[in-house]
PDB file of N, CA and C in Angstrom:
ATOM      1  N   UNK A   1     107.820  70.354 110.943  1.00  0.00           N
ATOM      2  CA  UNK A   1     107.973  71.690 112.475  1.00  0.00           C
ATOM      3  C   UNK A   1     107.384  72.974 111.956  1.00  0.00           C
ATOM      4  N   UNK A   2     106.901  73.944 111.787  1.00  0.00           N
ATOM      5  CA  UNK A   2     106.471  75.101 111.899  1.00  0.00           C
ATOM      6  C   UNK A   2     107.584  76.092 111.452  1.00  0.00           C
ATOM      7  N   UNK A   3     108.003  77.607 110.560  1.00  0.00           N
ATOM      8  CA  UNK A   3     109.414  78.332 111.893  1.00  0.00           C
ATOM      9  C   UNK A   3     108.236  79.165 112.565  1.00  0.00           C
ATOM     10  N   UNK A   4     109.633  79.561 114.217  1.00  0.00           N
ATOM     11  CA  UNK A   4     109.282  80.361 114.180  1.00  0.00           C
ATOM     12  C   UNK A   4     107.968  81.661 113.934  1.00  0.00           C
ATOM     13  N   UNK A   5     107.147  82.201 114.203  1.00  0.00           N
ATOM     14  CA  UNK A   5     106.541  83.258 113.598  1.00  0.00           C
ATOM     15  C   UNK A   5     107.057  84.324 113.796  1.00  0.00           C
ATOM     16  N   UNK A   6     108.264  84.719 114.478  1.00  0.00           N
ATOM     17  CA  UNK A   6     109.050  86.306 114.319  1.00  0.00           C
ATOM     18  C   UNK A   6     110.919  85.695 113.164  1.00  0.00           C
ATOM     19  N   UNK A   7     110.156  84.719 112.625  1.00  0.00           N
ATOM     20  CA  UNK A   7     111.508  83.876 111.615  1.00  0.00           C
ATOM     21  C   UNK A   7     110.532  84.550 109.962  1.00  0.00           C
ATOM     22  N   UNK A   8     109.320  84.259 110.001  1.00  0.00           N
ATOM     23  CA  UNK A   8     108.883  84.610 109.002  1.00  0.00           C
ATOM     24  C   UNK A   8     109.476  86.179 108.696  1.00  0.00           C
ATOM     25  N   UNK A   9     108.492  85.729 106.582  1.00  0.00           N
ATOM     26  CA  UNK A   9     109.909  87.258 106.700  1.00  0.00           C
ATOM     27  C   UNK A   9     108.275  88.370 106.788  1.00  0.00           C
ATOM     28  N   UNK A  10     108.619  89.371 106.720  1.00  0.00           N
ATOM     29  CA  UNK A  10     107.544  90.071 106.629  1.00  0.00           C
ATOM     30  C   UNK A  10     108.134  91.770 106.825  1.00  0.00           C
ATOM     31  N   UNK A  11     106.779  92.804 106.204  1.00  0.00           N
ATOM     32  CA  UNK A  11     107.955  93.694 106.598  1.00  0.00           C
ATOM     33  C   UNK A  11     107.177  95.333 107.108  1.00  0.00           C
ATOM     34  N   UNK A  12     106.468  94.022 108.234  1.00  0.00           N
ATOM     35  CA  UNK A  12     105.912  95.006 109.218  1.00  0.00           C
ATOM     36  C   UNK A  12     107.288  95.552 109.525  1.00  0.00           C
ATOM     37  N   UNK A  13     107.073  96.959 110.426  1.00  0.00           N
ATOM     38  CA  UNK A  13     107.871  97.642 111.245  1.00  0.00           C
ATOM     39  C   UNK A  13     108.171  97.122 112.339  1.00  0.00           C
ATOM     40  N   UNK A  14     109.013  97.282 112.728  1.00  0.00           N
ATOM     41  CA  UNK A  14     110.014  97.044 115.040  1.00  0.00           C
ATOM     42  C   UNK A  14     108.976  97.717 115.483  1.00  0.00           C
ATOM     43  N   UNK A  15     109.100  98.300 114.843  1.00  0.00           N
ATOM     44  CA  UNK A  15     108.422  99.581 116.385  1.00  0.00           C
ATOM     45  C   UNK A  15     107.213  98.620 117.357  1.00  0.00           C
ATOM     46  N   UNK A  16     106.272  98.187 116.983  1.00  0.00           N
ATOM     47  CA  UNK A  16     105.329  97.413 116.232  1.00  0.00           C
ATOM     48  C   UNK A  16     105.179  96.754 117.192  1.00  0.00           C
ATOM     49  N   UNK A  17     106.262  95.835 118.136  1.00  0.00           N
ATOM     50  CA  UNK A  17     106.635  94.856 119.049  1.00  0.00           C
ATOM     51  C   UNK A  17     105.915  93.922 118.109  1.00  0.00           C
ATOM     52  N   UNK A  18     107.223  92.942 119.177  1.00  0.00           N
ATOM     53  CA  UNK A  18     107.005  91.858 118.733  1.00  0.00           C
ATOM     54  C   UNK A  18     105.323  90.621 118.531  1.00  0.00           C
ATOM     55  N   UNK A  19     104.726  91.159 120.237  1.00  0.00           N
ATOM     56  CA  UNK A  19     103.430  90.543 120.202  1.00  0.00           C
ATOM     57  C   UNK A  19     101.964  90.502 118.877  1.00  0.00           C
ATOM     58  N   UNK A  20     102.562  92.252 118.511  1.00  0.00           N
ATOM     59  CA  UNK A  20     101.882  92.917 117.580  1.00  0.00           C
ATOM     60  C   UNK A  20     101.895  92.080 116.668  1.00  0.00           C
ATOM     61  N   UNK A  21     103.681  92.010 116.047  1.00  0.00           N
ATOM     62  CA  UNK A  21     103.839  91.432 114.871  1.00  0.00           C
ATOM     63  C   UNK A  21     103.765  89.299 114.772  1.00  0.00           C
ATOM     64  N   UNK A  22     104.296  89.075 116.409  1.00  0.00           N
ATOM     65  CA  UNK A  22     103.326  87.450 116.205  1.00  0.00           C
ATOM     66  C   UNK A  22     101.830  87.360 116.249  1.00  0.00           C
ATOM     67  N   UNK A  23     101.223  88.615 116.520  1.00  0.00           N
ATOM     68  CA  UNK A  23     100.188  88.071 115.662  1.00  0.00           C
ATOM     69  C   UNK A  23      99.350  88.763 114.436  1.00  0.00           C
ATOM     70  N   UNK A  24      99.775  89.089 113.575  1.00  0.00           N
ATOM     71  CA  UNK A  24     100.040  89.705 112.614  1.00  0.00           C
ATOM     72  C   UNK A  24     100.127  88.433 111.636  1.00  0.00           C
ATOM     73  N   UNK A  25     101.288  87.819 111.605  1.00  0.00           N
ATOM     74  CA  UNK A  25     101.943  86.965 110.828  1.00  0.00           C
ATOM     75  C   UNK A  25     101.226  84.938 111.770  1.00  0.00           C
ATOM     76  N   UNK A  26     100.264  85.086 112.541  1.00  0.00           N
ATOM     77  CA  UNK A  26     100.137  84.523 113.261  1.00  0.00           C
ATOM     78  C   UNK A  26      97.582  84.617 112.670  1.00  0.00           C
ATOM     79  N   UNK A  27      97.605  85.860 112.098  1.00  0.00           N
ATOM     80  CA  UNK A  27      96.616  85.701 111.212  1.00  0.00           C
ATOM     81  C   UNK A  27      96.791  85.707 109.935  1.00  0.00           C
ATOM     82  N   UNK A  28      98.270  85.746 109.644  1.00  0.00           N
ATOM     83  CA  UNK A  28      98.255  85.071 107.827  1.00  0.00           C
ATOM     84  C   UNK A  28      99.227  86.384 107.756  1.00  0.00           C
ATOM     85  N   UNK A  29      99.201  87.344 108.521  1.00  0.00           N
ATOM     86  CA  UNK A  29      99.501  88.653 107.089  1.00  0.00           C
ATOM     87  C   UNK A  29     100.904  88.432 107.117  1.00  0.00           C
ATOM     88  N   UNK A  30     101.725  89.005 106.115  1.00  0.00           N
ATOM     89  CA  UNK A  30     103.155  89.148 105.857  1.00  0.00           C
ATOM     90  C   UNK A  30     103.692  90.242 105.876  1.00  0.00           C
ATOM     91  N   UNK A  31     102.555  91.147 104.498  1.00  0.00           N
ATOM     92  CA  UNK A  31     102.765  92.286 104.331  1.00  0.00           C
ATOM     93  C   UNK A  31     101.864  93.459 104.399  1.00  0.00           C
ATOM     94  N   UNK A  32     102.970  94.479 104.545  1.00  0.00           N
ATOM     95  CA  UNK A  32     102.030  95.835 105.460  1.00  0.00           C
ATOM     96  C   UNK A  32     100.230  96.015 103.996  1.00  0.00           C
ATOM     97  N   UNK A  33     100.733  96.106 102.070  1.00  0.00           N
ATOM     98  CA  UNK A  33     100.056  95.301 101.317  1.00  0.00           C
ATOM     99  C   UNK A  33      98.390  94.835 101.656  1.00  0.00           C
ATOM    100  N   UNK A  34      98.718  93.960 102.682  1.00  0.00           N
ATOM    101  CA  UNK A  34      97.438  92.982 103.062  1.00  0.00           C
ATOM    102  C   UNK A  34      96.449  94.205 103.650  1.00  0.00           C
ATOM    103  N   UNK A  35      96.348  94.746 104.627  1.00  0.00           N
ATOM    104  CA  UNK A  35      96.508  95.513 105.593  1.00  0.00           C
ATOM    105  C   UNK A  35      95.379  96.601 104.929  1.00  0.00           C
ATOM    106  N   UNK A  36      95.649  96.349 103.933  1.00  0.00           N
ATOM    107  CA  UNK A  36      94.838  97.540 103.025  1.00  0.00           C
ATOM    108  C   UNK A  36      93.902  96.713 102.259  1.00  0.00           C
ATOM    109  N   UNK A  37      93.457  95.708 102.679  1.00  0.00           N
ATOM    110  CA  UNK A  37      92.453  94.679 102.807  1.00  0.00           C
ATOM    111  C   UNK A  37      91.280  94.607 103.922  1.00  0.00           C
ATOM    112  N   UNK A  38      91.690  95.026 104.683  1.00  0.00           N
ATOM    113  CA  UNK A  38      91.295  94.803 106.092  1.00  0.00           C
ATOM    114  C   UNK A  38      90.823  96.014 106.825  1.00  0.00           C
ATOM    115  N   UNK A  39      89.662  95.778 107.706  1.00  0.00           N
ATOM    116  CA  UNK A  39      89.047  97.448 108.988  1.00  0.00           C
ATOM    117  C   UNK A  39      91.159  97.499 109.780  1.00  0.00           C
ATOM    118  N   UNK A  40      91.114  98.285 110.740  1.00  0.00           N
ATOM    119  CA  UNK A  40      91.805  98.816 112.096  1.00  0.00           C
ATOM    120  C   UNK A  40      91.444  97.872 113.008  1.00  0.00           C
ATOM    121  N   UNK A  41      89.681  97.955 112.889  1.00  0.00           N
ATOM    122  CA  UNK A  41      89.439  97.310 113.752  1.00  0.00           C
ATOM    123  C   UNK A  41      89.301  95.986 114.103  1.00  0.00           C
ATOM    124  N   UNK A  42      88.735  95.378 112.917  1.00  0.00           N
ATOM    125  CA  UNK A  42      89.510  94.130 113.121  1.00  0.00           C
ATOM    126  C   UNK A  42      90.590  93.304 113.283  1.00  0.00           C
ATOM    127  N   UNK A  43      92.294  94.414 113.032  1.00  0.00           N
ATOM    128  CA  UNK A  43      93.719  94.163 113.303  1.00  0.00           C
ATOM    129  C   UNK A  43      93.293  93.999 114.877  1.00  0.00           C
ATOM    130  N   UNK A  44      92.715  94.894 115.514  1.00  0.00           N
ATOM    131  CA  UNK A  44      92.485  95.773 116.853  1.00  0.00           C
ATOM    132  C   UNK A  44      92.689  94.639 118.038  1.00  0.00           C
ATOM    133  N   UNK A  45      91.232  93.627 117.246  1.00  0.00           N
ATOM    134  CA  UNK A  45      90.953  92.314 117.697  1.00  0.00           C
ATOM    135  C   UNK A  45      91.445  91.873 118.209  1.00  0.00           C
ATOM    136  N   UNK A  46      92.963  91.284 117.232  1.00  0.00           N
ATOM    137  CA  UNK A  46      94.072  90.809 117.140  1.00  0.00           C
ATOM    138  C   UNK A  46      94.424  90.565 118.413  1.00  0.00           C
ATOM    139  N   UNK A  47      94.947  89.442 119.418  1.00  0.00           N
ATOM    140  CA  UNK A  47      95.106  89.504 120.740  1.00  0.00           C
ATOM    141  C   UNK A  47      97.145  89.734 120.681  1.00  0.00           C
ATOM    142  N   UNK A  48      97.140  90.571 121.843  1.00  0.00           N
ATOM    143  CA  UNK A  48      98.534  90.961 120.849  1.00  0.00           C
ATOM    144  C   UNK A  48      99.034  92.585 120.345  1.00  0.00           C
ATOM    145  N   UNK A  49      97.944  93.599 119.319  1.00  0.00           N
ATOM    146  CA  UNK A  49      97.847  93.815 118.679  1.00  0.00           C
ATOM    147  C   UNK A  49      96.690  95.398 119.456  1.00  0.00           C
ATOM    148  N   UNK A  50      97.220  96.285 120.006  1.00  0.00           N
ATOM    149  CA  UNK A  50      97.593  97.470 120.694  1.00  0.00           C
ATOM    150  C   UNK A  50      96.792  98.490 119.851  1.00  0.00           C
ATOM    151  N   UNK A  51      96.337  99.643 119.884  1.00  0.00           N
ATOM    152  CA  UNK A  51      96.120 100.791 119.443  1.00  0.00           C
ATOM    153  C   UNK A  51      97.724 101.925 119.216  1.00  0.00           C
ATOM    154  N   UNK A  52      98.807 101.716 119.765  1.00  0.00           N
ATOM    155  CA  UNK A  52      99.693 101.932 119.688  1.00  0.00           C
ATOM    156  C   UNK A  52     100.083 100.965 118.109  1.00  0.00           C
ATOM    157  N   UNK A  53     100.178  99.812 117.931  1.00  0.00           N
ATOM    158  CA  UNK A  53      99.863  99.444 117.020  1.00  0.00           C
ATOM    159  C   UNK A  53      99.983 100.287 115.728  1.00  0.00           C
ATOM    160  N   UNK A  54      98.022  99.451 115.888  1.00  0.00           N
ATOM    161  CA  UNK A  54      97.534 100.153 114.848  1.00  0.00           C
ATOM    162  C   UNK A  54      98.370 101.573 113.987  1.00  0.00           C
ATOM    163  N   UNK A  55      98.325 102.922 115.559  1.00  0.00           N
ATOM    164  CA  UNK A  55      99.117 104.424 114.716  1.00  0.00           C
ATOM    165  C   UNK A  55     100.383 103.830 114.666  1.00  0.00           C
ATOM    166  N   UNK A  56     100.953 103.010 114.896  1.00  0.00           N
ATOM    167  CA  UNK A  56     102.342 102.713 114.130  1.00  0.00           C
ATOM    168  C   UNK A  56     102.293 102.616 112.415  1.00  0.00           C
ATOM    169  N   UNK A  57     101.378 100.995 112.253  1.00  0.00           N
ATOM    170  CA  UNK A  57     100.540 100.772 110.795  1.00  0.00           C
ATOM    171  C   UNK A  57     100.020 101.638 109.705  1.00  0.00           C
ATOM    172  N   UNK A  58      98.883 102.458 111.112  1.00  0.00           N
ATOM    173  CA  UNK A  58      98.274 103.204 110.333  1.00  0.00           C
ATOM    174  C   UNK A  58      99.638 105.051 109.300  1.00  0.00           C
ATOM    175  N   UNK A  59     100.762 104.648 110.641  1.00  0.00           N
ATOM    176  CA  UNK A  59     101.506 106.088 109.469  1.00  0.00           C
ATOM    177  C   UNK A  59     101.873 105.346 108.887  1.00  0.00           C
ATOM    178  N   UNK A  60     103.049 104.069 108.934  1.00  0.00           N
ATOM    179  CA  UNK A  60     103.484 103.500 107.734  1.00  0.00           C
ATOM    180  C   UNK A  60     102.987 103.222 106.867  1.00  0.00           C
ATOM    181  N   UNK A  61     101.486 102.529 107.062  1.00  0.00           N
ATOM    182  CA  UNK A  61     101.074 102.280 105.862  1.00  0.00           C
ATOM    183  C   UNK A  61     100.526 103.987 104.443  1.00  0.00           C
ATOM    184  N   UNK A  62     100.157 105.509 105.615  1.00  0.00           N
ATOM    185  CA  UNK A  62      99.894 106.383 104.872  1.00  0.00           C
ATOM    186  C   UNK A  62     101.743 107.161 103.971  1.00  0.00           C
ATOM    187  N   UNK A  63     102.396 106.638 104.433  1.00  0.00           N
ATOM    188  CA  UNK A  63     103.565 106.517 103.978  1.00  0.00           C
ATOM    189  C   UNK A  63     104.142 105.981 102.209  1.00  0.00           C
ATOM    190  N   UNK A  64     103.198 104.866 102.644  1.00  0.00           N
ATOM    191  CA  UNK A  64     102.835 103.863 101.022  1.00  0.00           C
ATOM    192  C   UNK A  64     101.678 104.371 100.551  1.00  0.00           C
ATOM    193  N   UNK A  65     101.245 105.601 100.620  1.00  0.00           N
ATOM    194  CA  UNK A  65     100.397 106.021 100.600  1.00  0.00           C
ATOM    195  C   UNK A  65      99.162 104.555 100.299  1.00  0.00           C
ATOM    196  N   UNK A  66      98.815 104.185 102.160  1.00  0.00           N
ATOM    197  CA  UNK A  66      98.220 103.575 101.406  1.00  0.00           C
ATOM    198  C   UNK A  66      97.093 103.318 103.128  1.00  0.00           C
ATOM    199  N   UNK A  67      96.038 102.975 102.933  1.00  0.00           N
ATOM    200  CA  UNK A  67      95.847 102.589 104.495  1.00  0.00           C
ATOM    201  C   UNK A  67      94.874 101.418 104.568  1.00  0.00           C
ATOM    202  N   UNK A  68      94.681 101.105 105.728  1.00  0.00           N
ATOM    203  CA  UNK A  68      93.351 100.140 105.759  1.00  0.00           C
ATOM    204  C   UNK A  68      92.045 100.630 105.449  1.00  0.00           C
ATOM    205  N   UNK A  69      92.442  99.209 105.191  1.00  0.00           N
ATOM    206  CA  UNK A  69      90.371  99.121 104.996  1.00  0.00           C
ATOM    207  C   UNK A  69      89.369 100.054 105.114  1.00  0.00           C
ATOM    208  N   UNK A  70      89.376 100.413 106.317  1.00  0.00           N
ATOM    209  CA  UNK A  70      87.922 101.414 106.189  1.00  0.00           C
ATOM    210  C   UNK A  70      88.202 102.778 106.509  1.00  0.00           C
ATOM    211  N   UNK A  71      89.199 102.796 106.118  1.00  0.00           N
ATOM    212  CA  UNK A  71      89.998 104.440 106.035  1.00  0.00           C
ATOM    213  C   UNK A  71      90.475 105.026 104.831  1.00  0.00           C
ATOM    214  N   UNK A  72      89.730 104.181 103.378  1.00  0.00           N
ATOM    215  CA  UNK A  72      89.525 104.324 102.285  1.00  0.00           C
ATOM    216  C   UNK A  72      89.289 105.296 101.334  1.00  0.00           C
TER     217      UNK A  72
END
């Protein structure tokens, strides 16, 4: 039996919310750095990820000097 998604190790900010976190984990993402290889629009298509989560993820990536693929 697999681990509950929210218990998988990840480094996403907690304030994106559980639905967005679960959507990212279900899609196979566990690290912010992985998001630099995809477009924000593609992440937004995941069920549970909304504009607020994208804004928070974008800001968190920017704090690390990173960005979504379409913002590079």
